[in-house]
Amino acid sequence: MRKQIQTSKYNEVERGFGRKHDITIEEVKACNAFANFSDIEVLEIIETIKRFTTIVHDCYQRKKLYLKRKEQMEV
């Protein structure tokens, strides 16, 4: 049986999960690690983050589908 995920006192928007737009250059540069990067470098970082999250989401969906099929076969 799956563990129930404990809900946070913060809602999804406050945690950043409810974003409806891409992260901006200014938001990335607000992080000290990226403060001295050029706008072009920051755009590359944003693109990399988008690719990474797409890959992770795809892996998650495939795993979820695999587990669902496995569960159906066991019944």
C-alpha atoms as a PDB file:
ATOM      1  CA  MET A   1       0.000   0.000   0.000  1.00  0.00           C
ATOM      2  CA  ARG A   2       1.269   3.452  -0.840  1.00  0.00           C
ATOM      3  CA  LYS A   3       2.163   5.912   1.883  1.00  0.00           C
ATOM      4  CA  GLN A   4      -0.006   8.994   2.128  1.00  0.00           C
ATOM      5  CA  ILE A   5       2.034  12.071   1.291  1.00  0.00           C
ATOM      6  CA  GLN A   6       1.885  14.532   4.117  1.00  0.00           C
ATOM      7  CA  THR A   7       0.411  17.805   2.928  1.00  0.00           C
ATOM      8  CA  SER A   8       2.346  20.957   3.530  1.00  0.00           C
ATOM      9  CA  LYS A   9       0.933  24.059   5.131  1.00  0.00           C
ATOM     10  CA  TYR A  10       1.880  25.836   1.892  1.00  0.00           C
ATOM     11  CA  ASN A  11      -0.311  25.574  -1.165  1.00  0.00           C
ATOM     12  CA  GLU A  12       1.003  24.564  -4.591  1.00  0.00           C
ATOM     13  CA  VAL A  13       1.464  28.126  -5.815  1.00  0.00           C
ATOM     14  CA  GLU A  14       3.522  29.073  -2.784  1.00  0.00           C
ATOM     15  CA  ARG A  15       5.736  26.023  -3.352  1.00  0.00           C
ATOM     16  CA  GLY A  16       6.094  26.850  -7.054  1.00  0.00           C
ATOM     17  CA  PHE A  17       4.076  23.907  -8.409  1.00  0.00           C
ATOM     18  CA  GLY A  18       1.184  26.013  -9.636  1.00  0.00           C
ATOM     19  CA  ARG A  19       3.200  28.150 -12.058  1.00  0.00           C
ATOM     20  CA  LYS A  20       1.449  29.082 -15.273  1.00  0.00           C
ATOM     21  CA  HIS A  21       4.499  30.651 -16.942  1.00  0.00           C
ATOM     22  CA  ASP A  22       8.186  29.935 -17.464  1.00  0.00           C
ATOM     23  CA  ILE A  23      10.757  31.156 -14.998  1.00  0.00           C
ATOM     24  CA  THR A  24      12.122  34.548 -16.020  1.00  0.00           C
ATOM     25  CA  ILE A  25      15.682  35.697 -16.555  1.00  0.00           C
ATOM     26  CA  GLU A  26      15.302  37.978 -13.539  1.00  0.00           C
ATOM     27  CA  GLU A  27      14.159  35.108 -11.311  1.00  0.00           C
ATOM     28  CA  VAL A  28      17.169  33.011 -12.295  1.00  0.00           C
ATOM     29  CA  LYS A  29      19.583  35.901 -11.801  1.00  0.00           C
ATOM     30  CA  ALA A  30      18.078  36.540  -8.363  1.00  0.00           C
ATOM     31  CA  CYS A  31      19.816  33.330  -7.278  1.00  0.00           C
ATOM     32  CA  ASN A  32      23.375  34.201  -6.200  1.00  0.00           C
ATOM     33  CA  ALA A  33      24.840  31.274  -8.138  1.00  0.00           C
ATOM     34  CA  PHE A  34      23.589  32.756 -11.427  1.00  0.00           C
ATOM     35  CA  ALA A  35      23.780  36.478 -10.693  1.00  0.00           C
ATOM     36  CA  ASN A  36      26.769  37.089 -12.991  1.00  0.00           C
ATOM     37  CA  PHE A  37      25.536  34.984 -15.920  1.00  0.00           C
ATOM     38  CA  SER A  38      24.656  36.689 -19.207  1.00  0.00           C
ATOM     39  CA  ASP A  39      21.071  36.704 -20.443  1.00  0.00           C
ATOM     40  CA  ILE A  40      21.970  34.143 -23.118  1.00  0.00           C
ATOM     41  CA  GLU A  41      23.505  31.828 -20.511  1.00  0.00           C
ATOM     42  CA  VAL A  42      20.407  32.199 -18.349  1.00  0.00           C
ATOM     43  CA  LEU A  43      18.172  31.359 -21.313  1.00  0.00           C
ATOM     44  CA  GLU A  44      20.218  28.186 -21.801  1.00  0.00           C
ATOM     45  CA  ILE A  45      19.733  27.351 -18.115  1.00  0.00           C
ATOM     46  CA  ILE A  46      15.978  27.861 -18.469  1.00  0.00           C
ATOM     47  CA  GLU A  47      15.884  25.615 -21.543  1.00  0.00           C
ATOM     48  CA  THR A  48      17.897  22.950 -19.697  1.00  0.00           C
ATOM     49  CA  ILE A  49      15.500  23.062 -16.737  1.00  0.00           C
ATOM     50  CA  LYS A  50      12.534  22.691 -19.089  1.00  0.00           C
ATOM     51  CA  ARG A  51      14.126  19.697 -20.840  1.00  0.00           C
ATOM     52  CA  PHE A  52      15.038  18.086 -17.540  1.00  0.00           C
ATOM     53  CA  THR A  53      11.546  18.471 -16.103  1.00  0.00           C
ATOM     54  CA  THR A  54      10.045  17.054 -19.307  1.00  0.00           C
ATOM     55  CA  ILE A  55      12.301  13.991 -19.049  1.00  0.00           C
ATOM     56  CA  VAL A  56      11.523  13.487 -15.365  1.00  0.00           C
ATOM     57  CA  HIS A  57       7.787  13.880 -15.974  1.00  0.00           C
ATOM     58  CA  ASP A  58       7.924  11.379 -18.854  1.00  0.00           C
ATOM     59  CA  CYS A  59       9.790   8.860 -16.672  1.00  0.00           C
ATOM     60  CA  TYR A  60       7.245   9.338 -13.908  1.00  0.00           C
ATOM     61  CA  GLN A  61       4.323   8.777 -16.283  1.00  0.00           C
ATOM     62  CA  ARG A  62       5.935   5.657 -17.768  1.00  0.00           C
ATOM     63  CA  LYS A  63       6.591   4.228 -14.305  1.00  0.00           C
ATOM     64  CA  LYS A  64       3.020   4.976 -13.284  1.00  0.00           C
ATOM     65  CA  LEU A  65       1.690   3.216 -16.404  1.00  0.00           C
ATOM     66  CA  TYR A  66       4.021   0.256 -15.828  1.00  0.00           C
ATOM     67  CA  LEU A  67       2.837  -0.155 -12.240  1.00  0.00           C
ATOM     68  CA  LYS A  68      -0.802   0.119 -13.291  1.00  0.00           C
ATOM     69  CA  ARG A  69      -0.358  -2.590 -15.943  1.00  0.00           C
ATOM     70  CA  LYS A  70       1.553  -4.785 -13.518  1.00  0.00           C
ATOM     71  CA  GLU A  71      -1.208  -4.407 -10.951  1.00  0.00           C
ATOM     72  CA  GLN A  72      -3.864  -5.325 -13.541  1.00  0.00           C
ATOM     73  CA  MET A  73      -1.918  -8.456 -14.548  1.00  0.00           C
ATOM     74  CA  GLU A  74      -1.716  -9.610 -10.946  1.00  0.00           C
ATOM     75  CA  VAL A  75      -5.492  -9.489 -10.487  1.00  0.00           C
END
